[in-house]
Amino acid sequence: MNCLFDPASAPNELRSLIGGKIREGLIVQNWPGVLRSAATMVTGAMPPSQLLKKFAAYPRQHELAVALREIGRVERTLFVIEWLLDADMQRRAQIGLNKGEAHHALKNALRIGR
């Protein structure tokens, strides 16, 4: 689902593709924690998997985890826009998918032939 900071500003033709509103205030409020988490992962002090385990250990959802999810929604929306505008990226992905499908088809043919 794609999200916007202001879904009401989306053109009518695209409104069905909009999944919701990005909670900008939550990101701003937790920005120091986001930077601190990124710094600890970049320096190697804590792997991302350990950070996820810490978030999962909380009885309620941790506010920093919710802010990171909102940032993820922004990233996903930006990727979808880039995907739609970049025909070369779509072509490269299709080539990779075709290779994978051909590989599986060959494996199935060999297995059935035995």
Protein backbone atom coordinates (compact mmCIF):
# COMPACT_ATOMS: atom_id res chain seq x y z
CA MET A 1 0.00 0.00 0.00
CA ASN A 2 1.26 3.42 -0.90
CA CYS A 3 0.96 6.19 1.63
CA LEU A 4 1.11 9.97 1.37
CA PHE A 5 1.67 12.79 3.82
CA ASP A 6 -1.60 14.31 2.58
CA PRO A 7 -3.83 11.71 0.85
CA ALA A 8 -6.47 14.36 0.10
CA SER A 9 -4.03 16.05 -2.29
CA ALA A 10 -3.81 12.95 -4.52
CA PRO A 11 -5.53 13.12 -7.91
CA ASN A 12 -8.89 11.34 -8.03
CA GLU A 13 -7.51 8.77 -10.49
CA LEU A 14 -4.88 7.63 -7.97
CA ARG A 15 -6.92 7.69 -4.75
CA SER A 16 -7.72 3.98 -4.98
CA LEU A 17 -3.98 3.25 -4.85
CA ILE A 18 -3.40 5.27 -1.67
CA GLY A 19 -3.36 3.18 1.48
CA GLY A 20 -3.24 5.83 4.12
CA LYS A 21 -1.57 8.82 5.68
CA ILE A 22 2.02 8.90 6.87
CA ARG A 23 2.20 10.09 10.46
CA GLU A 24 4.91 12.70 10.05
CA GLY A 25 4.70 13.82 13.68
CA LEU A 26 5.60 10.34 14.89
CA ILE A 27 8.72 10.31 12.71
CA VAL A 28 9.78 13.80 13.85
CA GLN A 29 9.18 12.97 17.51
CA ASN A 30 11.32 9.82 17.32
CA TRP A 31 13.97 11.15 14.93
CA PRO A 32 16.79 11.18 17.54
CA GLY A 33 16.07 7.51 18.28
CA VAL A 34 16.00 6.68 14.58
CA LEU A 35 19.42 8.31 14.10
CA ARG A 36 20.81 6.57 17.18
CA SER A 37 19.54 3.18 15.95
CA ALA A 38 20.98 3.74 12.48
CA ALA A 39 24.34 4.78 13.94
CA THR A 40 24.58 1.68 16.14
CA MET A 41 23.83 -0.56 13.18
CA VAL A 42 26.22 1.23 10.80
CA THR A 43 29.07 1.07 13.31
CA GLY A 44 28.39 -2.62 13.88
CA ALA A 45 27.63 -2.16 17.59
CA MET A 46 24.25 -3.88 17.13
CA PRO A 47 23.02 -5.94 14.19
CA PRO A 48 19.54 -5.14 12.84
CA SER A 49 18.27 -8.57 13.96
CA GLN A 50 19.09 -7.75 17.57
CA LEU A 51 17.24 -4.44 17.31
CA LEU A 52 14.17 -6.29 16.01
CA LYS A 53 14.40 -8.77 18.90
CA LYS A 54 14.48 -5.87 21.37
CA PHE A 55 11.39 -4.34 19.80
CA ALA A 56 9.60 -7.71 19.88
CA ALA A 57 10.36 -8.08 23.61
CA TYR A 58 8.25 -5.07 24.56
CA PRO A 59 4.71 -5.93 25.74
CA ARG A 60 3.32 -3.01 23.68
CA GLN A 61 4.61 -1.81 20.37
CA HIS A 62 7.64 0.40 20.91
CA GLU A 63 7.18 3.94 19.60
CA LEU A 64 10.52 3.83 17.78
CA ALA A 65 9.43 0.66 15.95
CA VAL A 66 6.24 2.42 14.84
CA ALA A 67 8.27 5.42 13.63
CA LEU A 68 10.58 3.10 11.67
CA ARG A 69 7.52 1.48 10.07
CA GLU A 70 6.31 4.92 8.98
CA ILE A 71 9.73 5.59 7.41
CA GLY A 72 9.42 2.23 5.66
CA ARG A 73 6.09 3.34 4.19
CA VAL A 74 7.78 6.43 2.77
CA GLU A 75 10.56 4.27 1.29
CA ARG A 76 8.08 1.83 -0.25
CA THR A 77 6.09 4.65 -1.84
CA LEU A 78 9.26 6.20 -3.29
CA PHE A 79 10.30 2.81 -4.68
CA VAL A 80 6.93 2.27 -6.36
CA ILE A 81 7.18 5.70 -7.99
CA GLU A 82 10.72 4.93 -9.18
CA TRP A 83 9.58 1.51 -10.47
CA LEU A 84 6.74 3.01 -12.47
CA LEU A 85 9.00 5.65 -14.05
CA ASP A 86 12.01 3.42 -14.82
CA ALA A 87 11.38 1.01 -17.70
CA ASP A 88 14.98 -0.26 -17.51
CA MET A 89 14.48 -1.37 -13.89
CA GLN A 90 11.32 -3.23 -14.90
CA ARG A 91 13.14 -4.89 -17.80
CA ARG A 92 16.04 -6.06 -15.58
CA ALA A 93 13.60 -7.49 -13.05
CA GLN A 94 11.71 -9.32 -15.79
CA ILE A 95 14.94 -10.83 -17.11
CA GLY A 96 15.78 -12.08 -13.61
CA LEU A 97 12.30 -13.55 -13.19
CA ASN A 98 12.53 -15.29 -16.56
CA LYS A 99 15.88 -16.86 -15.61
CA GLY A 100 14.43 -18.17 -12.37
CA GLU A 101 11.38 -19.61 -14.11
CA ALA A 102 13.55 -21.28 -16.75
CA HIS A 103 15.74 -22.79 -14.02
CA HIS A 104 12.72 -24.24 -12.21
CA ALA A 105 11.23 -25.53 -15.46
CA LEU A 106 14.48 -27.33 -16.24
CA LYS A 107 14.59 -28.86 -12.75
CA ASN A 108 11.00 -30.06 -13.11
CA ALA A 109 11.69 -31.51 -16.58
CA LEU A 110 14.74 -33.41 -15.30
CA ARG A 111 12.86 -34.70 -12.26
CA ILE A 112 9.91 -35.89 -14.38
CA GLY A 113 12.30 -37.46 -16.92
CA ARG A 114 13.82 -39.67 -14.23
